[in-house]
């Protein structure tokens, strides 16, 4: 991968990280840029998920220290998100890699 591609990916991830930690939806920026840079769909989505783990942990830590987390609702959403993650993983695995 060229240095210019890596620079573009880093800049997009910084913007998406800021955007994603505030309101979510960073994948709208990161996954397409990874696909356009030549990664397969499996690699692009996997790379995004590793990055979003750090974004989520950082945002959760910040909101947690400011006491802005509703844990009761969070556990309900976490249950549905876990089901969606499993279903999404199965869909991605059904996409043929090129």
N, C-alpha and C. Protein backbone atom coordinates (compact mmCIF):
# COMPACT_ATOMS: atom_id res chain seq x y z
N UNK A 1 0.85 -1.17 0.00
CA UNK A 1 0.00 0.00 0.00
C UNK A 1 0.89 1.24 0.00
N UNK A 2 0.54 2.20 -0.81
CA UNK A 2 1.35 3.41 -0.94
C UNK A 2 1.22 4.30 0.28
N UNK A 3 2.22 5.15 0.44
CA UNK A 3 2.22 6.08 1.58
C UNK A 3 1.04 7.05 1.50
N UNK A 4 0.69 7.48 0.29
CA UNK A 4 -0.44 8.40 0.14
C UNK A 4 -1.74 7.74 0.57
N UNK A 5 -1.92 6.46 0.20
CA UNK A 5 -3.12 5.73 0.63
C UNK A 5 -3.19 5.64 2.15
N UNK A 6 -2.07 5.34 2.78
CA UNK A 6 -2.04 5.25 4.24
C UNK A 6 -2.35 6.59 4.88
N UNK A 7 -1.82 7.66 4.30
CA UNK A 7 -2.10 8.99 4.84
C UNK A 7 -3.59 9.32 4.73
N UNK A 8 -4.20 9.00 3.60
CA UNK A 8 -5.63 9.25 3.42
C UNK A 8 -6.44 8.44 4.43
N UNK A 9 -6.07 7.17 4.62
CA UNK A 9 -6.77 6.31 5.58
C UNK A 9 -6.65 6.87 6.99
N UNK A 10 -5.48 7.31 7.38
CA UNK A 10 -5.28 7.86 8.73
C UNK A 10 -6.13 9.12 8.93
N UNK A 11 -6.14 10.01 7.94
CA UNK A 11 -6.92 11.25 8.05
C UNK A 11 -8.41 10.92 8.14
N UNK A 12 -8.87 10.00 7.30
CA UNK A 12 -10.29 9.63 7.32
C UNK A 12 -10.64 8.99 8.66
N UNK A 13 -9.76 8.14 9.20
CA UNK A 13 -10.04 7.51 10.49
C UNK A 13 -10.08 8.55 11.62
N UNK A 14 -9.25 9.57 11.57
CA UNK A 14 -9.31 10.61 12.60
C UNK A 14 -10.64 11.36 12.53
N UNK A 15 -11.07 11.70 11.33
CA UNK A 15 -12.35 12.39 11.16
C UNK A 15 -13.49 11.48 11.59
N UNK A 16 -13.45 10.22 11.12
CA UNK A 16 -14.51 9.27 11.47
C UNK A 16 -14.52 8.95 12.96
N UNK A 17 -13.36 8.92 13.58
CA UNK A 17 -13.29 8.68 15.02
C UNK A 17 -13.95 9.78 15.81
N UNK A 18 -13.69 11.01 15.42
CA UNK A 18 -14.33 12.14 16.09
C UNK A 18 -15.84 12.10 15.87
N UNK A 19 -16.24 11.92 14.63
CA UNK A 19 -17.66 11.85 14.28
C UNK A 19 -18.34 10.65 14.95
N UNK A 20 -17.69 9.49 14.88
CA UNK A 20 -18.27 8.28 15.44
C UNK A 20 -18.40 8.30 16.95
N UNK A 21 -17.46 8.94 17.63
CA UNK A 21 -17.56 8.99 19.09
C UNK A 21 -18.64 9.95 19.56
N UNK A 22 -18.97 10.93 18.75
CA UNK A 22 -20.02 11.88 19.13
C UNK A 22 -21.41 11.34 18.85
N UNK A 23 -21.64 10.85 17.62
CA UNK A 23 -22.99 10.42 17.26
C UNK A 23 -23.05 9.07 16.57
N UNK A 24 -21.92 8.41 16.38
CA UNK A 24 -21.93 7.11 15.72
C UNK A 24 -21.91 7.25 14.20
N UNK A 25 -21.71 6.15 13.53
CA UNK A 25 -21.76 6.16 12.08
C UNK A 25 -20.43 6.39 11.40
N UNK A 26 -19.33 6.17 12.09
CA UNK A 26 -18.02 6.35 11.48
C UNK A 26 -17.75 5.41 10.32
N UNK A 27 -18.47 4.28 10.29
CA UNK A 27 -18.30 3.30 9.21
C UNK A 27 -18.71 3.86 7.86
N UNK A 28 -19.57 4.87 7.86
CA UNK A 28 -19.98 5.49 6.60
C UNK A 28 -18.80 6.13 5.89
N UNK A 29 -17.77 6.47 6.64
CA UNK A 29 -16.57 7.05 6.05
C UNK A 29 -15.45 6.03 5.88
N UNK A 30 -15.24 5.20 6.89
CA UNK A 30 -14.05 4.34 6.89
C UNK A 30 -14.16 3.14 5.96
N UNK A 31 -15.28 2.46 5.96
CA UNK A 31 -15.38 1.25 5.12
C UNK A 31 -15.24 1.57 3.64
N UNK A 32 -15.93 2.59 3.11
CA UNK A 32 -15.72 2.89 1.68
C UNK A 32 -14.29 3.28 1.33
N UNK A 33 -13.62 4.04 2.19
CA UNK A 33 -12.25 4.43 1.87
C UNK A 33 -11.33 3.22 1.89
N UNK A 34 -11.60 2.26 2.77
CA UNK A 34 -10.79 1.04 2.79
C UNK A 34 -11.06 0.19 1.55
N UNK A 35 -12.31 0.13 1.12
CA UNK A 35 -12.64 -0.62 -0.10
C UNK A 35 -12.01 0.04 -1.33
N UNK A 36 -12.07 1.37 -1.41
CA UNK A 36 -11.47 2.08 -2.55
C UNK A 36 -9.96 1.98 -2.55
N UNK A 37 -9.35 1.74 -1.40
CA UNK A 37 -7.90 1.61 -1.35
C UNK A 37 -7.43 0.21 -1.75
N UNK A 38 -8.39 -0.69 -2.01
CA UNK A 38 -8.02 -2.00 -2.55
C UNK A 38 -8.19 -3.17 -1.61
N UNK A 39 -8.69 -2.95 -0.41
CA UNK A 39 -8.90 -4.07 0.51
C UNK A 39 -10.15 -4.86 0.12
N UNK A 40 -10.15 -6.13 0.42
CA UNK A 40 -11.33 -6.95 0.19
C UNK A 40 -12.41 -6.56 1.20
N UNK A 41 -13.68 -6.88 0.93
CA UNK A 41 -14.73 -6.54 1.91
C UNK A 41 -14.48 -7.11 3.30
N UNK A 42 -13.97 -8.35 3.37
CA UNK A 42 -13.68 -8.94 4.67
C UNK A 42 -12.62 -8.14 5.42
N UNK A 43 -11.56 -7.79 4.72
CA UNK A 43 -10.48 -7.04 5.36
C UNK A 43 -10.91 -5.63 5.74
N UNK A 44 -11.69 -5.00 4.87
CA UNK A 44 -12.14 -3.63 5.14
C UNK A 44 -13.04 -3.59 6.37
N UNK A 45 -13.97 -4.51 6.46
CA UNK A 45 -14.89 -4.51 7.61
C UNK A 45 -14.15 -4.91 8.88
N UNK A 46 -13.25 -5.89 8.78
CA UNK A 46 -12.47 -6.29 9.95
C UNK A 46 -11.57 -5.17 10.45
N UNK A 47 -10.93 -4.45 9.52
CA UNK A 47 -10.08 -3.33 9.89
C UNK A 47 -10.90 -2.23 10.56
N UNK A 48 -12.07 -1.97 10.02
CA UNK A 48 -12.93 -0.96 10.62
C UNK A 48 -13.35 -1.37 12.04
N UNK A 49 -13.67 -2.62 12.23
CA UNK A 49 -14.12 -3.07 13.55
C UNK A 49 -13.01 -2.96 14.60
N UNK A 50 -11.77 -3.22 14.21
CA UNK A 50 -10.66 -3.05 15.14
C UNK A 50 -10.53 -1.57 15.52
N UNK A 51 -10.62 -0.69 14.53
CA UNK A 51 -10.56 0.75 14.81
C UNK A 51 -11.72 1.23 15.64
N UNK A 52 -12.91 0.70 15.38
CA UNK A 52 -14.09 1.16 16.13
C UNK A 52 -14.07 0.67 17.57
N UNK A 53 -13.33 -0.39 17.84
CA UNK A 53 -13.18 -0.84 19.23
C UNK A 53 -12.48 0.24 20.05
N UNK A 54 -11.40 0.77 19.50
CA UNK A 54 -10.69 1.85 20.20
C UNK A 54 -11.52 3.10 20.33
N UNK A 55 -12.25 3.44 19.26
CA UNK A 55 -13.12 4.62 19.30
C UNK A 55 -14.20 4.45 20.37
N UNK A 56 -14.81 3.29 20.40
CA UNK A 56 -15.87 3.02 21.38
C UNK A 56 -15.36 3.04 22.81
N UNK A 57 -14.19 2.44 23.03
CA UNK A 57 -13.62 2.45 24.38
C UNK A 57 -13.27 3.86 24.83
N UNK A 58 -12.70 4.64 23.92
CA UNK A 58 -12.35 6.02 24.27
C UNK A 58 -13.58 6.87 24.57
N UNK A 59 -14.61 6.73 23.72
CA UNK A 59 -15.83 7.50 23.94
C UNK A 59 -16.54 7.05 25.22
N UNK A 60 -16.57 5.75 25.46
CA UNK A 60 -17.22 5.24 26.68
C UNK A 60 -16.51 5.72 27.93
N UNK A 61 -15.20 5.74 27.89
CA UNK A 61 -14.44 6.23 29.04
C UNK A 61 -14.74 7.69 29.30
N UNK A 62 -14.77 8.49 28.24
CA UNK A 62 -15.07 9.91 28.40
C UNK A 62 -16.46 10.16 28.95
N UNK A 63 -17.45 9.48 28.37
CA UNK A 63 -18.83 9.66 28.84
C UNK A 63 -19.01 9.08 30.25
N UNK A 64 -18.30 8.00 30.54
CA UNK A 64 -18.41 7.39 31.87
C UNK A 64 -17.86 8.28 32.98
N UNK A 65 -16.75 8.95 32.71
CA UNK A 65 -16.19 9.84 33.73
C UNK A 65 -17.06 11.06 33.97
N UNK A 66 -17.86 11.42 32.97
CA UNK A 66 -18.78 12.55 33.13
C UNK A 66 -20.16 12.11 33.61
N UNK A 67 -20.31 10.82 33.92
CA UNK A 67 -21.57 10.25 34.44
C UNK A 67 -22.74 10.48 33.46
N UNK A 68 -22.47 10.28 32.16
CA UNK A 68 -23.50 10.49 31.14
C UNK A 68 -23.97 9.18 30.51
N UNK A 69 -23.77 8.06 31.20
CA UNK A 69 -24.16 6.76 30.66
C UNK A 69 -25.34 6.21 31.44
N UNK A 70 -26.38 5.82 30.72
CA UNK A 70 -27.54 5.15 31.32
C UNK A 70 -27.29 3.65 31.18
N UNK A 71 -26.77 3.03 32.22
CA UNK A 71 -26.36 1.63 32.15
C UNK A 71 -27.54 0.68 31.94
N UNK A 72 -28.70 1.00 32.49
CA UNK A 72 -29.86 0.13 32.34
C UNK A 72 -30.24 0.02 30.86
N UNK A 73 -30.35 1.14 30.17
CA UNK A 73 -30.65 1.11 28.74
C UNK A 73 -29.49 0.52 27.95
N UNK A 74 -28.29 0.79 28.40
CA UNK A 74 -27.10 0.29 27.72
C UNK A 74 -27.06 -1.22 27.63
N UNK A 75 -27.46 -1.90 28.69
CA UNK A 75 -27.45 -3.36 28.66
C UNK A 75 -28.51 -3.91 27.72
N UNK A 76 -29.65 -3.24 27.64
CA UNK A 76 -30.68 -3.67 26.69
C UNK A 76 -30.17 -3.51 25.26
N UNK A 77 -29.59 -2.34 24.96
CA UNK A 77 -29.05 -2.12 23.63
C UNK A 77 -27.89 -3.07 23.32
N UNK A 78 -27.10 -3.39 24.34
CA UNK A 78 -25.98 -4.30 24.14
C UNK A 78 -26.46 -5.68 23.73
N UNK A 79 -27.57 -6.13 24.29
CA UNK A 79 -28.11 -7.44 23.92
C UNK A 79 -28.51 -7.46 22.45
N UNK A 80 -29.22 -6.43 22.01
CA UNK A 80 -29.62 -6.37 20.60
C UNK A 80 -28.42 -6.17 19.68
N UNK A 81 -27.45 -5.38 20.12
CA UNK A 81 -26.25 -5.17 19.32
C UNK A 81 -25.45 -6.46 19.16
N UNK A 82 -25.42 -7.29 20.20
CA UNK A 82 -24.71 -8.57 20.11
C UNK A 82 -25.38 -9.50 19.10
N UNK A 83 -26.70 -9.53 19.12
CA UNK A 83 -27.43 -10.35 18.15
C UNK A 83 -27.16 -9.83 16.73
N UNK A 84 -27.20 -8.51 16.56
CA UNK A 84 -26.92 -7.92 15.26
C UNK A 84 -25.49 -8.17 14.80
N UNK A 85 -24.54 -8.19 15.74
CA UNK A 85 -23.15 -8.45 15.38
C UNK A 85 -22.97 -9.87 14.87
N UNK A 86 -23.62 -10.82 15.51
CA UNK A 86 -23.53 -12.21 15.05
C UNK A 86 -24.17 -12.35 13.66
N UNK A 87 -25.34 -11.75 13.50
CA UNK A 87 -26.01 -11.83 12.20
C UNK A 87 -25.19 -11.14 11.11
N UNK A 88 -24.62 -9.99 11.42
CA UNK A 88 -23.78 -9.28 10.46
C UNK A 88 -22.53 -10.05 10.10
N UNK A 89 -21.94 -10.73 11.07
CA UNK A 89 -20.75 -11.54 10.78
C UNK A 89 -21.09 -12.69 9.85
N UNK A 90 -22.23 -13.29 10.05
CA UNK A 90 -22.64 -14.38 9.16
C UNK A 90 -22.90 -13.88 7.74
N UNK A 91 -23.47 -12.69 7.62
CA UNK A 91 -23.69 -12.12 6.28
C UNK A 91 -22.37 -11.82 5.60
N UNK A 92 -21.42 -11.22 6.32
CA UNK A 92 -20.12 -10.89 5.73
C UNK A 92 -19.39 -12.16 5.31
N UNK A 93 -19.48 -13.20 6.10
CA UNK A 93 -18.80 -14.45 5.74
C UNK A 93 -19.43 -15.10 4.50
N UNK A 94 -20.68 -14.76 4.19
CA UNK A 94 -21.30 -15.33 3.00
C UNK A 94 -20.91 -14.58 1.73
N UNK A 95 -20.25 -13.41 1.86
CA UNK A 95 -19.79 -12.66 0.69
C UNK A 95 -18.49 -13.30 0.18
N UNK A 96 -18.46 -13.66 -1.09
CA UNK A 96 -17.22 -14.25 -1.60
C UNK A 96 -16.07 -13.23 -1.63
N UNK A 97 -14.90 -13.66 -1.20
CA UNK A 97 -13.74 -12.77 -1.19
C UNK A 97 -13.12 -12.77 -2.58
N UNK A 98 -12.68 -11.64 -3.02
CA UNK A 98 -12.07 -11.53 -4.36
C UNK A 98 -10.63 -11.24 -4.28
